[in-house]
Amino acid sequence: MIATPTRYSSEAGATVEAPRDPVRRAVSAVDPSLAFPRTSVRVRESNPNHHLWNNNGTWYVHYTVHPTPLTKSRVRMSLETKDLEVARQRRDDILVRAGAGL
């Protein structure tokens, strides 16, 4: 964050700027050993329908991919089924492929 200069008036009436904040913040380096793209997959045993949602009877899957260390992309796609068990199986297949980077 860059500090903005503070303005104040001197006794003679001239406007003077205060010096800028000399503190510089360290830029955090990104670890190049991290493999990208990465997926953000959270598995919750208490919710077997995690990553699934029903839109007018058709099941969809959604998850997040991190193509670079500084960006993310949400993936949403139809599973083209109205059967919950089929939707869960297709979701699992998609998440396995996404996690493998395919």
PDB file of N, CA and C in Angstrom:
ATOM      1  N   MET A   1       0.836  -1.154   0.000  1.00  0.00           N
ATOM      2  CA  MET A   1       0.000   0.000   0.000  1.00  0.00           C
ATOM      3  C   MET A   1       0.890   1.227   0.000  1.00  0.00           C
ATOM      4  N   ILE A   2       0.601   2.199  -0.843  1.00  0.00           N
ATOM      5  CA  ILE A   2       1.416   3.396  -0.958  1.00  0.00           C
ATOM      6  C   ILE A   2       0.783   4.486  -0.109  1.00  0.00           C
ATOM      7  N   ALA A   3       1.616   5.118   0.704  1.00  0.00           N
ATOM      8  CA  ALA A   3       1.117   6.190   1.551  1.00  0.00           C
ATOM      9  C   ALA A   3       0.942   7.448   0.717  1.00  0.00           C
ATOM     10  N   THR A   4      -0.137   8.144   0.921  1.00  0.00           N
ATOM     11  CA  THR A   4      -0.358   9.392   0.203  1.00  0.00           C
ATOM     12  C   THR A   4       0.240  10.530   1.005  1.00  0.00           C
ATOM     13  N   PRO A   5       0.804  11.522   0.318  1.00  0.00           N
ATOM     14  CA  PRO A   5       1.429  12.622   1.047  1.00  0.00           C
ATOM     15  C   PRO A   5       0.383  13.459   1.780  1.00  0.00           C
ATOM     16  N   THR A   6       0.777  13.952   2.937  1.00  0.00           N
ATOM     17  CA  THR A   6      -0.093  14.823   3.716  1.00  0.00           C
ATOM     18  C   THR A   6       0.284  16.257   3.422  1.00  0.00           C
ATOM     19  N   ARG A   7      -0.716  17.091   3.153  1.00  0.00           N
ATOM     20  CA  ARG A   7      -0.464  18.497   2.865  1.00  0.00           C
ATOM     21  C   ARG A   7      -0.798  19.327   4.106  1.00  0.00           C
ATOM     22  N   TYR A   8       0.022  20.311   4.361  1.00  0.00           N
ATOM     23  CA  TYR A   8      -0.269  21.235   5.450  1.00  0.00           C
ATOM     24  C   TYR A   8       0.279  22.605   5.081  1.00  0.00           C
ATOM     25  N   SER A   9      -0.206  23.596   5.731  1.00  0.00           N
ATOM     26  CA  SER A   9       0.216  24.967   5.427  1.00  0.00           C
ATOM     27  C   SER A   9       1.279  25.406   6.406  1.00  0.00           C
ATOM     28  N   SER A  10       2.272  26.139   5.867  1.00  0.00           N
ATOM     29  CA  SER A  10       3.319  26.686   6.732  1.00  0.00           C
ATOM     30  C   SER A  10       2.846  28.037   7.257  1.00  0.00           C
ATOM     31  N   GLU A  11       3.639  28.625   8.147  1.00  0.00           N
ATOM     32  CA  GLU A  11       3.267  29.926   8.720  1.00  0.00           C
ATOM     33  C   GLU A  11       3.209  31.005   7.656  1.00  0.00           C
ATOM     34  N   ALA A  12       4.002  30.868   6.593  1.00  0.00           N
ATOM     35  CA  ALA A  12       4.020  31.877   5.544  1.00  0.00           C
ATOM     36  C   ALA A  12       2.850  31.706   4.587  1.00  0.00           C
ATOM     37  N   GLY A  13       2.055  30.640   4.735  1.00  0.00           N
ATOM     38  CA  GLY A  13       0.897  30.430   3.889  1.00  0.00           C
ATOM     39  C   GLY A  13       1.152  29.496   2.719  1.00  0.00           C
ATOM     40  N   ALA A  14       2.387  29.030   2.535  1.00  0.00           N
ATOM     41  CA  ALA A  14       2.686  28.123   1.431  1.00  0.00           C
ATOM     42  C   ALA A  14       2.284  26.700   1.821  1.00  0.00           C
ATOM     43  N   THR A  15       1.811  25.947   0.846  1.00  0.00           N
ATOM     44  CA  THR A  15       1.440  24.560   1.092  1.00  0.00           C
ATOM     45  C   THR A  15       2.673  23.687   0.922  1.00  0.00           C
ATOM     46  N   VAL A  16       2.920  22.836   1.906  1.00  0.00           N
ATOM     47  CA  VAL A  16       4.093  21.976   1.921  1.00  0.00           C
ATOM     48  C   VAL A  16       3.616  20.541   2.056  1.00  0.00           C
ATOM     49  N   GLU A  17       4.269  19.641   1.306  1.00  0.00           N
ATOM     50  CA  GLU A  17       3.936  18.220   1.415  1.00  0.00           C
ATOM     51  C   GLU A  17       4.852  17.550   2.421  1.00  0.00           C
ATOM     52  N   ALA A  18       4.258  16.705   3.251  1.00  0.00           N
ATOM     53  CA  ALA A  18       5.045  15.912   4.195  1.00  0.00           C
ATOM     54  C   ALA A  18       5.751  14.808   3.412  1.00  0.00           C
ATOM     55  N   PRO A  19       6.888  14.339   3.874  1.00  0.00           N
ATOM     56  CA  PRO A  19       7.603  13.273   3.156  1.00  0.00           C
ATOM     57  C   PRO A  19       6.786  11.986   3.121  1.00  0.00           C
ATOM     58  N   ARG A  20       7.000  11.217   2.059  1.00  0.00           N
ATOM     59  CA  ARG A  20       6.293   9.944   1.919  1.00  0.00           C
ATOM     60  C   ARG A  20       6.781   8.944   2.954  1.00  0.00           C
ATOM     61  N   ASP A  21       5.923   7.993   3.234  1.00  0.00           N
ATOM     62  CA  ASP A  21       6.253   6.933   4.184  1.00  0.00           C
ATOM     63  C   ASP A  21       7.406   6.105   3.612  1.00  0.00           C
ATOM     64  N   PRO A  22       8.550   6.045   4.283  1.00  0.00           N
ATOM     65  CA  PRO A  22       9.703   5.327   3.735  1.00  0.00           C
ATOM     66  C   PRO A  22       9.613   3.806   3.873  1.00  0.00           C
ATOM     67  N   VAL A  23       8.586   3.297   4.547  1.00  0.00           N
ATOM     68  CA  VAL A  23       8.491   1.855   4.769  1.00  0.00           C
ATOM     69  C   VAL A  23       8.018   1.188   3.487  1.00  0.00           C
ATOM     70  N   ARG A  24       8.782   0.225   3.019  1.00  0.00           N
ATOM     71  CA  ARG A  24       8.390  -0.533   1.834  1.00  0.00           C
ATOM     72  C   ARG A  24       7.970  -1.928   2.266  1.00  0.00           C
ATOM     73  N   ARG A  25       6.943  -2.399   1.650  1.00  0.00           N
ATOM     74  CA  ARG A  25       6.445  -3.720   1.986  1.00  0.00           C
ATOM     75  C   ARG A  25       7.131  -4.753   1.088  1.00  0.00           C
ATOM     76  N   ALA A  26       7.487  -5.871   1.684  1.00  0.00           N
ATOM     77  CA  ALA A  26       8.127  -6.936   0.920  1.00  0.00           C
ATOM     78  C   ALA A  26       7.104  -7.597   0.015  1.00  0.00           C
ATOM     79  N   VAL A  27       7.501  -7.872  -1.198  1.00  0.00           N
ATOM     80  CA  VAL A  27       6.628  -8.557  -2.140  1.00  0.00           C
ATOM     81  C   VAL A  27       6.805 -10.045  -1.902  1.00  0.00           C
ATOM     82  N   SER A  28       5.688 -10.731  -1.665  1.00  0.00           N
ATOM     83  CA  SER A  28       5.798 -12.162  -1.407  1.00  0.00           C
ATOM     84  C   SER A  28       6.068 -12.886  -2.717  1.00  0.00           C
ATOM     85  N   ALA A  29       7.115 -13.645  -2.729  1.00  0.00           N
ATOM     86  CA  ALA A  29       7.493 -14.397  -3.928  1.00  0.00           C
ATOM     87  C   ALA A  29       6.639 -15.655  -4.014  1.00  0.00           C
ATOM     88  N   VAL A  30       6.267 -16.016  -5.213  1.00  0.00           N
ATOM     89  CA  VAL A  30       5.497 -17.227  -5.439  1.00  0.00           C
ATOM     90  C   VAL A  30       6.467 -18.385  -5.580  1.00  0.00           C
ATOM     91  N   ASP A  31       6.180 -19.456  -4.873  1.00  0.00           N
ATOM     92  CA  ASP A  31       7.040 -20.634  -4.915  1.00  0.00           C
ATOM     93  C   ASP A  31       6.933 -21.298  -6.290  1.00  0.00           C
ATOM     94  N   PRO A  32       7.996 -21.290  -7.095  1.00  0.00           N
ATOM     95  CA  PRO A  32       7.915 -21.873  -8.437  1.00  0.00           C
ATOM     96  C   PRO A  32       7.771 -23.388  -8.435  1.00  0.00           C
ATOM     97  N   SER A  33       7.966 -24.019  -7.275  1.00  0.00           N
ATOM     98  CA  SER A  33       7.842 -25.471  -7.234  1.00  0.00           C
ATOM     99  C   SER A  33       6.396 -25.923  -7.217  1.00  0.00           C
ATOM    100  N   LEU A  34       5.461 -24.969  -7.007  1.00  0.00           N
ATOM    101  CA  LEU A  34       4.049 -25.331  -7.007  1.00  0.00           C
ATOM    102  C   LEU A  34       3.593 -25.596  -8.434  1.00  0.00           C
ATOM    103  N   ALA A  35       2.883 -26.674  -8.627  1.00  0.00           N
ATOM    104  CA  ALA A  35       2.416 -27.031  -9.963  1.00  0.00           C
ATOM    105  C   ALA A  35       1.106 -26.311 -10.268  1.00  0.00           C
ATOM    106  N   PHE A  36       1.022 -25.718 -11.441  1.00  0.00           N
ATOM    107  CA  PHE A  36      -0.197 -25.061 -11.880  1.00  0.00           C
ATOM    108  C   PHE A  36      -0.545 -25.581 -13.252  1.00  0.00           C
ATOM    109  N   PRO A  37      -1.773 -25.715 -13.644  1.00  0.00           N
ATOM    110  CA  PRO A  37      -2.955 -25.322 -12.902  1.00  0.00           C
ATOM    111  C   PRO A  37      -3.249 -26.294 -11.759  1.00  0.00           C
ATOM    112  N   ARG A  38      -3.910 -25.763 -10.756  1.00  0.00           N
ATOM    113  CA  ARG A  38      -4.321 -26.561  -9.606  1.00  0.00           C
ATOM    114  C   ARG A  38      -5.820 -26.450  -9.443  1.00  0.00           C
ATOM    115  N   THR A  39      -6.413 -27.443  -8.834  1.00  0.00           N
ATOM    116  CA  THR A  39      -7.839 -27.386  -8.548  1.00  0.00           C
ATOM    117  C   THR A  39      -8.034 -27.222  -7.054  1.00  0.00           C
ATOM    118  N   SER A  40      -9.129 -26.600  -6.716  1.00  0.00           N
ATOM    119  CA  SER A  40      -9.500 -26.446  -5.323  1.00  0.00           C
ATOM    120  C   SER A  40     -10.690 -27.360  -5.074  1.00  0.00           C
ATOM    121  N   VAL A  41     -10.423 -28.563  -4.600  1.00  0.00           N
ATOM    122  CA  VAL A  41     -11.473 -29.550  -4.387  1.00  0.00           C
ATOM    123  C   VAL A  41     -11.573 -29.828  -2.904  1.00  0.00           C
ATOM    124  N   ARG A  42     -12.725 -29.556  -2.361  1.00  0.00           N
ATOM    125  CA  ARG A  42     -12.975 -29.836  -0.946  1.00  0.00           C
ATOM    126  C   ARG A  42     -13.975 -30.965  -0.865  1.00  0.00           C
ATOM    127  N   VAL A  43     -13.651 -31.957  -0.081  1.00  0.00           N
ATOM    128  CA  VAL A  43     -14.535 -33.102   0.081  1.00  0.00           C
ATOM    129  C   VAL A  43     -15.097 -33.058   1.491  1.00  0.00           C
ATOM    130  N   ARG A  44     -16.404 -33.053   1.554  1.00  0.00           N
ATOM    131  CA  ARG A  44     -17.064 -33.043   2.862  1.00  0.00           C
ATOM    132  C   ARG A  44     -17.886 -34.314   2.989  1.00  0.00           C
ATOM    133  N   GLU A  45     -17.473 -35.148   3.896  1.00  0.00           N
ATOM    134  CA  GLU A  45     -18.161 -36.416   4.097  1.00  0.00           C
ATOM    135  C   GLU A  45     -19.595 -36.201   4.546  1.00  0.00           C
ATOM    136  N   SER A  46     -19.851 -35.097   5.234  1.00  0.00           N
ATOM    137  CA  SER A  46     -21.202 -34.831   5.729  1.00  0.00           C
ATOM    138  C   SER A  46     -22.153 -34.390   4.627  1.00  0.00           C
ATOM    139  N   ASN A  47     -21.626 -34.028   3.454  1.00  0.00           N
ATOM    140  CA  ASN A  47     -22.454 -33.585   2.348  1.00  0.00           C
ATOM    141  C   ASN A  47     -22.075 -34.352   1.083  1.00  0.00           C
ATOM    142  N   PRO A  48     -22.783 -35.444   0.776  1.00  0.00           N
ATOM    143  CA  PRO A  48     -22.434 -36.230  -0.413  1.00  0.00           C
ATOM    144  C   PRO A  48     -22.738 -35.507  -1.725  1.00  0.00           C
ATOM    145  N   ASN A  49     -23.458 -34.399  -1.667  1.00  0.00           N
ATOM    146  CA  ASN A  49     -23.794 -33.648  -2.874  1.00  0.00           C
ATOM    147  C   ASN A  49     -22.930 -32.409  -3.047  1.00  0.00           C
ATOM    148  N   HIS A  50     -21.791 -32.369  -2.365  1.00  0.00           N
ATOM    149  CA  HIS A  50     -20.905 -31.218  -2.491  1.00  0.00           C
ATOM    150  C   HIS A  50     -20.435 -31.111  -3.940  1.00  0.00           C
ATOM    151  N   HIS A  51     -20.348 -29.905  -4.462  1.00  0.00           N
ATOM    152  CA  HIS A  51     -20.012 -29.599  -5.854  1.00  0.00           C
ATOM    153  C   HIS A  51     -21.178 -29.841  -6.811  1.00  0.00           C
ATOM    154  N   LEU A  52     -22.333 -30.243  -6.313  1.00  0.00           N
ATOM    155  CA  LEU A  52     -23.495 -30.497  -7.165  1.00  0.00           C
ATOM    156  C   LEU A  52     -24.584 -29.482  -6.867  1.00  0.00           C
ATOM    157  N   TRP A  53     -25.324 -29.125  -7.899  1.00  0.00           N
ATOM    158  CA  TRP A  53     -26.559 -28.387  -7.683  1.00  0.00           C
ATOM    159  C   TRP A  53     -27.559 -28.762  -8.755  1.00  0.00           C
ATOM    160  N   ASN A  54     -28.836 -28.676  -8.371  1.00  0.00           N
ATOM    161  CA  ASN A  54     -29.924 -29.068  -9.241  1.00  0.00           C
ATOM    162  C   ASN A  54     -30.559 -27.819  -9.814  1.00  0.00           C
ATOM    163  N   ASN A  55     -30.561 -27.712 -11.145  1.00  0.00           N
ATOM    164  CA  ASN A  55     -31.145 -26.565 -11.817  1.00  0.00           C
ATOM    165  C   ASN A  55     -32.311 -27.061 -12.667  1.00  0.00           C
ATOM    166  N   ASN A  56     -33.520 -26.883 -12.151  1.00  0.00           N
ATOM    167  CA  ASN A  56     -34.739 -27.308 -12.844  1.00  0.00           C
ATOM    168  C   ASN A  56     -34.714 -28.789 -13.219  1.00  0.00           C
ATOM    169  N   GLY A  57     -34.211 -29.613 -12.323  1.00  0.00           N
ATOM    170  CA  GLY A  57     -34.221 -31.056 -12.536  1.00  0.00           C
ATOM    171  C   GLY A  57     -32.940 -31.628 -13.116  1.00  0.00           C
ATOM    172  N   THR A  58     -32.068 -30.793 -13.674  1.00  0.00           N
ATOM    173  CA  THR A  58     -30.802 -31.261 -14.248  1.00  0.00           C
ATOM    174  C   THR A  58     -29.670 -30.963 -13.281  1.00  0.00           C
ATOM    175  N   TRP A  59     -28.813 -31.946 -13.051  1.00  0.00           N
ATOM    176  CA  TRP A  59     -27.704 -31.778 -12.119  1.00  0.00           C
ATOM    177  C   TRP A  59     -26.499 -31.146 -12.801  1.00  0.00           C
ATOM    178  N   TYR A  60     -25.835 -30.258 -12.080  1.00  0.00           N
ATOM    179  CA  TYR A  60     -24.634 -29.560 -12.544  1.00  0.00           C
ATOM    180  C   TYR A  60     -23.523 -29.760 -11.530  1.00  0.00           C
ATOM    181  N   VAL A  61     -22.281 -29.647 -11.983  1.00  0.00           N
ATOM    182  CA  VAL A  61     -21.113 -29.704 -11.115  1.00  0.00           C
ATOM    183  C   VAL A  61     -20.409 -28.350 -11.190  1.00  0.00           C
ATOM    184  N   HIS A  62     -19.809 -27.946 -10.089  1.00  0.00           N
ATOM    185  CA  HIS A  62     -19.006 -26.725 -10.091  1.00  0.00           C
ATOM    186  C   HIS A  62     -17.812 -26.902  -9.167  1.00  0.00           C
ATOM    187  N   TYR A  63     -16.660 -26.372  -9.622  1.00  0.00           N
ATOM    188  CA  TYR A  63     -15.427 -26.437  -8.844  1.00  0.00           C
ATOM    189  C   TYR A  63     -14.529 -25.295  -9.299  1.00  0.00           C
ATOM    190  N   THR A  64     -13.419 -25.074  -8.600  1.00  0.00           N
ATOM    191  CA  THR A  64     -12.523 -23.965  -8.885  1.00  0.00           C
ATOM    192  C   THR A  64     -11.164 -24.488  -9.325  1.00  0.00           C
ATOM    193  N   VAL A  65     -10.624 -23.869 -10.383  1.00  0.00           N
ATOM    194  CA  VAL A  65      -9.293 -24.196 -10.899  1.00  0.00           C
ATOM    195  C   VAL A  65      -8.425 -22.952 -10.748  1.00  0.00           C
ATOM    196  N   HIS A  66      -7.169 -23.140 -10.346  1.00  0.00           N
ATOM    197  CA  HIS A  66      -6.205 -22.043 -10.234  1.00  0.00           C
ATOM    198  C   HIS A  66      -5.192 -22.202 -11.369  1.00  0.00           C
ATOM    199  N   PRO A  67      -5.420 -21.531 -12.543  1.00  0.00           N
ATOM    200  CA  PRO A  67      -4.503 -21.701 -13.658  1.00  0.00           C
ATOM    201  C   PRO A  67      -3.126 -21.081 -13.425  1.00  0.00           C
ATOM    202  N   THR A  68      -3.053 -20.041 -12.618  1.00  0.00           N
ATOM    203  CA  THR A  68      -1.773 -19.429 -12.237  1.00  0.00           C
ATOM    204  C   THR A  68      -1.832 -19.146 -10.747  1.00  0.00           C
ATOM    205  N   PRO A  69      -0.722 -18.805 -10.137  1.00  0.00           N
ATOM    206  CA  PRO A  69      -0.738 -18.522  -8.702  1.00  0.00           C
ATOM    207  C   PRO A  69      -1.615 -17.322  -8.332  1.00  0.00           C
ATOM    208  N   LEU A  70      -1.906 -16.459  -9.284  1.00  0.00           N
ATOM    209  CA  LEU A  70      -2.634 -15.236  -8.961  1.00  0.00           C
ATOM    210  C   LEU A  70      -4.060 -15.197  -9.501  1.00  0.00           C
ATOM    211  N   THR A  71      -4.490 -16.228 -10.187  1.00  0.00           N
ATOM    212  CA  THR A  71      -5.831 -16.221 -10.763  1.00  0.00           C
ATOM    213  C   THR A  71      -6.582 -17.482 -10.399  1.00  0.00           C
ATOM    214  N   LYS A  72      -7.906 -17.407 -10.534  1.00  0.00           N
ATOM    215  CA  LYS A  72      -8.725 -18.598 -10.343  1.00  0.00           C
ATOM    216  C   LYS A  72      -9.867 -18.553 -11.342  1.00  0.00           C
ATOM    217  N   SER A  73     -10.383 -19.715 -11.637  1.00  0.00           N
ATOM    218  CA  SER A  73     -11.465 -19.828 -12.595  1.00  0.00           C
ATOM    219  C   SER A  73     -12.472 -20.826 -12.053  1.00  0.00           C
ATOM    220  N   ARG A  74     -13.735 -20.456 -12.075  1.00  0.00           N
ATOM    221  CA  ARG A  74     -14.777 -21.366 -11.624  1.00  0.00           C
ATOM    222  C   ARG A  74     -15.320 -22.118 -12.823  1.00  0.00           C
ATOM    223  N   VAL A  75     -15.396 -23.411 -12.674  1.00  0.00           N
ATOM    224  CA  VAL A  75     -15.889 -24.278 -13.742  1.00  0.00           C
ATOM    225  C   VAL A  75     -17.266 -24.774 -13.335  1.00  0.00           C
ATOM    226  N   ARG A  76     -18.225 -24.574 -14.212  1.00  0.00           N
ATOM    227  CA  ARG A  76     -19.582 -25.064 -13.994  1.00  0.00           C
ATOM    228  C   ARG A  76     -20.014 -25.769 -15.265  1.00  0.00           C
ATOM    229  N   MET A  77     -20.527 -26.978 -15.124  1.00  0.00           N
ATOM    230  CA  MET A  77     -20.972 -27.695 -16.313  1.00  0.00           C
ATOM    231  C   MET A  77     -22.125 -28.631 -15.972  1.00  0.00           C
ATOM    232  N   SER A  78     -22.950 -28.855 -16.978  1.00  0.00           N
ATOM    233  CA  SER A  78     -24.086 -29.744 -16.823  1.00  0.00           C
ATOM    234  C   SER A  78     -23.600 -31.186 -16.813  1.00  0.00           C
ATOM    235  N   LEU A  79     -24.211 -31.991 -15.956  1.00  0.00           N
ATOM    236  CA  LEU A  79     -23.924 -33.416 -15.936  1.00  0.00           C
ATOM    237  C   LEU A  79     -24.909 -34.175 -16.820  1.00  0.00           C
ATOM    238  N   GLU A  80     -25.862 -33.453 -17.391  1.00  0.00           N
ATOM    239  CA  GLU A  80     -26.832 -33.983 -18.348  1.00  0.00           C
ATOM    240  C   GLU A  80     -27.562 -35.210 -17.824  1.00  0.00           C
ATOM    241  N   THR A  81     -27.976 -35.128 -16.565  1.00  0.00           N
ATOM    242  CA  THR A  81     -28.763 -36.205 -15.979  1.00  0.00           C
ATOM    243  C   THR A  81     -29.712 -35.627 -14.939  1.00  0.00           C
ATOM    244  N   LYS A  82     -30.785 -36.341 -14.721  1.00  0.00           N
ATOM    245  CA  LYS A  82     -31.735 -35.967 -13.677  1.00  0.00           C
ATOM    246  C   LYS A  82     -31.638 -36.937 -12.494  1.00  0.00           C
ATOM    247  N   ASP A  83     -30.804 -37.954 -12.630  1.00  0.00           N
ATOM    248  CA  ASP A  83     -30.611 -38.976 -11.603  1.00  0.00           C
ATOM    249  C   ASP A  83     -29.456 -38.575 -10.685  1.00  0.00           C
ATOM    250  N   LEU A  84     -29.732 -38.486  -9.400  1.00  0.00           N
ATOM    251  CA  LEU A  84     -28.715 -38.039  -8.441  1.00  0.00           C
ATOM    252  C   LEU A  84     -27.532 -39.003  -8.366  1.00  0.00           C
ATOM    253  N   GLU A  85     -27.779 -40.301  -8.384  1.00  0.00           N
ATOM    254  CA  GLU A  85     -26.679 -41.275  -8.293  1.00  0.00           C
ATOM    255  C   GLU A  85     -25.761 -41.183  -9.512  1.00  0.00           C
ATOM    256  N   VAL A  86     -26.325 -41.011 -10.693  1.00  0.00           N
ATOM    257  CA  VAL A  86     -25.526 -40.846 -11.911  1.00  0.00           C
ATOM    258  C   VAL A  86     -24.743 -39.536 -11.834  1.00  0.00           C
ATOM    259  N   ALA A  87     -25.390 -38.488 -11.319  1.00  0.00           N
ATOM    260  CA  ALA A  87     -24.727 -37.189 -11.184  1.00  0.00           C
ATOM    261  C   ALA A  87     -23.529 -37.277 -10.248  1.00  0.00           C
ATOM    262  N   ARG A  88     -23.672 -37.991  -9.141  1.00  0.00           N
ATOM    263  CA  ARG A  88     -22.548 -38.155  -8.213  1.00  0.00           C
ATOM    264  C   ARG A  88     -21.385 -38.882  -8.871  1.00  0.00           C
ATOM    265  N   GLN A  89     -21.675 -39.934  -9.644  1.00  0.00           N
ATOM    266  CA  GLN A  89     -20.619 -40.690 -10.322  1.00  0.00           C
ATOM    267  C   GLN A  89     -19.918 -39.824 -11.364  1.00  0.00           C
ATOM    268  N   ARG A  90     -20.692 -39.067 -12.131  1.00  0.00           N
ATOM    269  CA  ARG A  90     -20.091 -38.188 -13.141  1.00  0.00           C
ATOM    270  C   ARG A  90     -19.277 -37.077 -12.489  1.00  0.00           C
ATOM    271  N   ARG A  91     -19.776 -36.541 -11.383  1.00  0.00           N
ATOM    272  CA  ARG A  91     -19.019 -35.522 -10.641  1.00  0.00           C
ATOM    273  C   ARG A  91     -17.685 -36.077 -10.178  1.00  0.00           C
ATOM    274  N   ASP A  92     -17.705 -37.276  -9.612  1.00  0.00           N
ATOM    275  CA  ASP A  92     -16.470 -37.888  -9.132  1.00  0.00           C
ATOM    276  C   ASP A  92     -15.476 -38.097 -10.273  1.00  0.00           C
ATOM    277  N   ASP A  93     -15.963 -38.547 -11.429  1.00  0.00           N
ATOM    278  CA  ASP A  93     -15.081 -38.739 -12.591  1.00  0.00           C
ATOM    279  C   ASP A  93     -14.472 -37.418 -13.047  1.00  0.00           C
ATOM    280  N   ILE A  94     -15.287 -36.383 -13.083  1.00  0.00           N
ATOM    281  CA  ILE A  94     -14.800 -35.052 -13.523  1.00  0.00           C
ATOM    282  C   ILE A  94     -13.764 -34.522 -12.545  1.00  0.00           C
ATOM    283  N   LEU A  95     -14.008 -34.652 -11.244  1.00  0.00           N
ATOM    284  CA  LEU A  95     -13.072 -34.128 -10.254  1.00  0.00           C
ATOM    285  C   LEU A  95     -11.754 -34.914 -10.241  1.00  0.00           C
ATOM    286  N   VAL A  96     -11.817 -36.201 -10.527  1.00  0.00           N
ATOM    287  CA  VAL A  96     -10.585 -36.992 -10.616  1.00  0.00           C
ATOM    288  C   VAL A  96      -9.750 -36.496 -11.798  1.00  0.00           C
ATOM    289  N   ARG A  97     -10.400 -36.287 -12.957  1.00  0.00           N
ATOM    290  CA  ARG A  97      -9.688 -35.795 -14.128  1.00  0.00           C
ATOM    291  C   ARG A  97      -9.157 -34.384 -13.895  1.00  0.00           C
ATOM    292  N   ALA A  98      -9.953 -33.527 -13.247  1.00  0.00           N
ATOM    293  CA  ALA A  98      -9.508 -32.152 -12.978  1.00  0.00           C
ATOM    294  C   ALA A  98      -8.328 -32.148 -12.018  1.00  0.00           C
ATOM    295  N   GLY A  99      -8.351 -33.004 -11.021  1.00  0.00           N
ATOM    296  CA  GLY A  99      -7.255 -33.088 -10.072  1.00  0.00           C
ATOM    297  C   GLY A  99      -5.987 -33.638 -10.672  1.00  0.00           C
ATOM    298  N   ALA A 100      -6.136 -34.458 -11.716  1.00  0.00           N
ATOM    299  CA  ALA A 100      -4.967 -35.017 -12.398  1.00  0.00           C
ATOM    300  C   ALA A 100      -4.394 -34.067 -13.441  1.00  0.00           C
ATOM    301  N   GLY A 101      -5.109 -32.971 -13.692  1.00  0.00           N
ATOM    302  CA  GLY A 101      -4.623 -31.995 -14.660  1.00  0.00           C
ATOM    303  C   GLY A 101      -4.886 -32.379 -16.099  1.00  0.00           C
ATOM    304  N   LEU A 102      -5.869 -33.238 -16.299  1.00  0.00           N
ATOM    305  CA  LEU A 102      -6.183 -33.667 -17.670  1.00  0.00           C
ATOM    306  C   LEU A 102      -7.152 -32.714 -18.341  1.00  0.00           C
TER     307      LEU A 102
END
